[in-house]
Amino acid sequence: MYQRLEEDMDINCGPIVDGDESVEEVGERIFHKILATASGEPTKSEALGYGDNEFVPWQIGAYM
């Protein structure tokens, strides 16, 4: 899946299934990505301009 959506996904967890990386190694990468994102680094989706309306938990105004 990551290879098909690489331009829009920040972390590839597939190496765990492939046996190339441990859960701890990938978890470390995820943790560092969270820190970078929280510090202002844009995600791949944000850099592409996606996501403005993908997750809207409190929709303002009328909608169907």
N, C-alpha and C. Protein backbone atom coordinates (compact mmCIF):
# COMPACT_ATOMS: atom_id res chain seq x y z
N MET A 1 0.83 -1.18 0.00
CA MET A 1 0.00 0.00 0.00
C MET A 1 0.88 1.25 0.00
N TYR A 2 1.93 1.24 0.82
CA TYR A 2 2.80 2.41 0.90
C TYR A 2 3.39 2.73 -0.46
N GLN A 3 3.81 1.73 -1.20
CA GLN A 3 4.42 1.97 -2.51
C GLN A 3 3.45 2.62 -3.48
N ARG A 4 2.15 2.32 -3.34
CA ARG A 4 1.16 2.93 -4.22
C ARG A 4 0.77 4.33 -3.78
N LEU A 5 0.90 4.62 -2.48
CA LEU A 5 0.47 5.91 -1.93
C LEU A 5 1.62 6.68 -1.28
N GLU A 6 2.84 6.39 -1.68
CA GLU A 6 4.02 6.97 -1.05
C GLU A 6 4.01 8.50 -1.01
N GLU A 7 3.46 9.13 -2.05
CA GLU A 7 3.47 10.59 -2.09
C GLU A 7 2.58 11.21 -1.02
N ASP A 8 1.69 10.41 -0.41
CA ASP A 8 0.74 10.93 0.57
C ASP A 8 0.86 10.26 1.95
N MET A 9 1.86 9.38 2.11
CA MET A 9 2.03 8.68 3.39
C MET A 9 3.41 9.01 3.96
N ASP A 10 3.45 9.33 5.24
CA ASP A 10 4.69 9.75 5.87
C ASP A 10 5.54 8.60 6.43
N ILE A 11 4.92 7.54 6.84
CA ILE A 11 5.64 6.43 7.47
C ILE A 11 5.26 5.12 6.79
N ASN A 12 6.26 4.32 6.46
CA ASN A 12 6.04 2.98 5.91
C ASN A 12 6.29 1.97 7.03
N CYS A 13 5.25 1.31 7.46
CA CYS A 13 5.37 0.29 8.51
C CYS A 13 5.50 -1.11 7.93
N GLY A 14 5.49 -1.22 6.62
CA GLY A 14 5.61 -2.51 5.95
C GLY A 14 6.85 -3.30 6.30
N PRO A 15 8.00 -2.64 6.56
CA PRO A 15 9.19 -3.41 6.90
C PRO A 15 9.05 -4.30 8.14
N ILE A 16 8.07 -4.00 8.99
CA ILE A 16 7.81 -4.88 10.14
C ILE A 16 7.31 -6.23 9.62
N VAL A 17 6.34 -6.19 8.71
CA VAL A 17 5.78 -7.42 8.15
C VAL A 17 6.83 -8.17 7.33
N ASP A 18 7.65 -7.41 6.61
CA ASP A 18 8.69 -8.02 5.78
C ASP A 18 9.83 -8.61 6.62
N GLY A 19 9.90 -8.22 7.90
CA GLY A 19 10.98 -8.70 8.76
C GLY A 19 12.26 -7.90 8.66
N ASP A 20 12.20 -6.75 7.99
CA ASP A 20 13.39 -5.92 7.82
C ASP A 20 13.63 -4.96 8.98
N GLU A 21 12.57 -4.64 9.73
CA GLU A 21 12.66 -3.75 10.88
C GLU A 21 11.79 -4.29 11.99
N SER A 22 12.15 -3.94 13.22
CA SER A 22 11.35 -4.36 14.37
C SER A 22 10.25 -3.34 14.64
N VAL A 23 9.29 -3.73 15.45
CA VAL A 23 8.25 -2.80 15.87
C VAL A 23 8.88 -1.62 16.59
N GLU A 24 9.90 -1.88 17.39
CA GLU A 24 10.57 -0.81 18.13
C GLU A 24 11.24 0.18 17.19
N GLU A 25 11.89 -0.31 16.13
CA GLU A 25 12.56 0.58 15.18
C GLU A 25 11.55 1.47 14.45
N VAL A 26 10.48 0.89 13.99
CA VAL A 26 9.45 1.67 13.29
C VAL A 26 8.77 2.61 14.28
N GLY A 27 8.53 2.13 15.50
CA GLY A 27 7.95 2.99 16.52
C GLY A 27 8.81 4.21 16.80
N GLU A 28 10.11 4.02 16.78
CA GLU A 28 11.04 5.14 16.98
C GLU A 28 10.91 6.16 15.85
N ARG A 29 10.80 5.65 14.61
CA ARG A 29 10.62 6.56 13.47
C ARG A 29 9.30 7.31 13.57
N ILE A 30 8.23 6.61 13.98
CA ILE A 30 6.93 7.25 14.15
C ILE A 30 7.02 8.33 15.22
N PHE A 31 7.66 8.01 16.34
CA PHE A 31 7.80 8.98 17.42
C PHE A 31 8.52 10.24 16.95
N HIS A 32 9.62 10.06 16.20
CA HIS A 32 10.37 11.23 15.72
C HIS A 32 9.57 12.03 14.70
N LYS A 33 8.76 11.34 13.90
CA LYS A 33 7.91 12.05 12.93
C LYS A 33 6.83 12.85 13.66
N ILE A 34 6.28 12.28 14.73
CA ILE A 34 5.29 13.02 15.52
C ILE A 34 5.91 14.27 16.11
N LEU A 35 7.12 14.14 16.65
CA LEU A 35 7.80 15.31 17.21
C LEU A 35 8.06 16.36 16.14
N ALA A 36 8.52 15.93 14.97
CA ALA A 36 8.79 16.87 13.89
C ALA A 36 7.52 17.57 13.43
N THR A 37 6.44 16.82 13.29
CA THR A 37 5.17 17.40 12.87
C THR A 37 4.63 18.37 13.92
N ALA A 38 4.73 17.98 15.18
CA ALA A 38 4.28 18.87 16.26
C ALA A 38 5.12 20.13 16.34
N SER A 39 6.35 20.06 15.83
CA SER A 39 7.25 21.21 15.83
C SER A 39 7.10 22.07 14.58
N GLY A 40 6.17 21.70 13.70
CA GLY A 40 5.88 22.53 12.54
C GLY A 40 6.24 21.96 11.19
N GLU A 41 6.93 20.82 11.14
CA GLU A 41 7.25 20.22 9.84
C GLU A 41 5.95 19.72 9.20
N PRO A 42 5.67 20.13 7.97
CA PRO A 42 4.42 19.68 7.34
C PRO A 42 4.48 18.19 6.99
N THR A 43 3.34 17.54 7.06
CA THR A 43 3.23 16.16 6.60
C THR A 43 3.23 16.17 5.07
N LYS A 44 3.35 15.01 4.47
CA LYS A 44 3.33 14.95 3.01
C LYS A 44 2.00 15.48 2.46
N SER A 45 0.90 15.13 3.11
CA SER A 45 -0.41 15.61 2.67
C SER A 45 -0.50 17.13 2.76
N GLU A 46 0.00 17.69 3.86
CA GLU A 46 -0.03 19.15 4.01
C GLU A 46 0.83 19.82 2.96
N ALA A 47 2.00 19.26 2.66
CA ALA A 47 2.88 19.83 1.65
C ALA A 47 2.23 19.81 0.27
N LEU A 48 1.37 18.81 0.02
CA LEU A 48 0.66 18.72 -1.25
C LEU A 48 -0.63 19.54 -1.27
N GLY A 49 -0.99 20.10 -0.11
CA GLY A 49 -2.21 20.90 -0.03
C GLY A 49 -3.46 20.08 0.20
N TYR A 50 -3.29 18.80 0.57
CA TYR A 50 -4.44 17.95 0.86
C TYR A 50 -4.84 18.08 2.32
N GLY A 51 -6.04 17.66 2.62
CA GLY A 51 -6.43 17.49 4.00
C GLY A 51 -7.26 18.59 4.62
N ASP A 52 -7.47 19.69 3.95
CA ASP A 52 -8.22 20.78 4.56
C ASP A 52 -9.62 20.35 4.96
N ASN A 53 -10.21 19.43 4.20
CA ASN A 53 -11.57 18.99 4.50
C ASN A 53 -11.69 17.49 4.72
N GLU A 54 -10.55 16.81 4.86
CA GLU A 54 -10.60 15.35 5.03
C GLU A 54 -11.12 14.95 6.40
N PHE A 55 -10.73 15.66 7.44
CA PHE A 55 -11.17 15.34 8.79
C PHE A 55 -11.73 16.60 9.43
N VAL A 56 -13.04 16.68 9.50
CA VAL A 56 -13.71 17.84 10.07
C VAL A 56 -14.68 17.33 11.13
N PRO A 57 -14.22 17.21 12.39
CA PRO A 57 -15.10 16.64 13.41
C PRO A 57 -16.28 17.53 13.78
N TRP A 58 -16.14 18.83 13.60
CA TRP A 58 -17.23 19.74 13.94
C TRP A 58 -17.54 20.59 12.72
N GLN A 59 -18.37 20.06 11.86
CA GLN A 59 -18.74 20.74 10.63
C GLN A 59 -19.53 22.00 10.97
N ILE A 60 -19.11 23.13 10.43
CA ILE A 60 -19.78 24.40 10.65
C ILE A 60 -20.76 24.65 9.51
N GLY A 61 -21.98 25.01 9.82
CA GLY A 61 -22.96 25.32 8.79
C GLY A 61 -23.76 24.09 8.39
N ALA A 62 -24.64 24.31 7.43
CA ALA A 62 -25.51 23.23 6.95
C ALA A 62 -24.71 22.29 6.04
N TYR A 63 -25.01 21.02 6.17
CA TYR A 63 -24.38 20.03 5.32
C TYR A 63 -25.27 18.81 5.20
N MET A 64 -25.01 18.01 4.18
CA MET A 64 -25.81 16.81 3.94
C MET A 64 -24.94 15.59 4.03
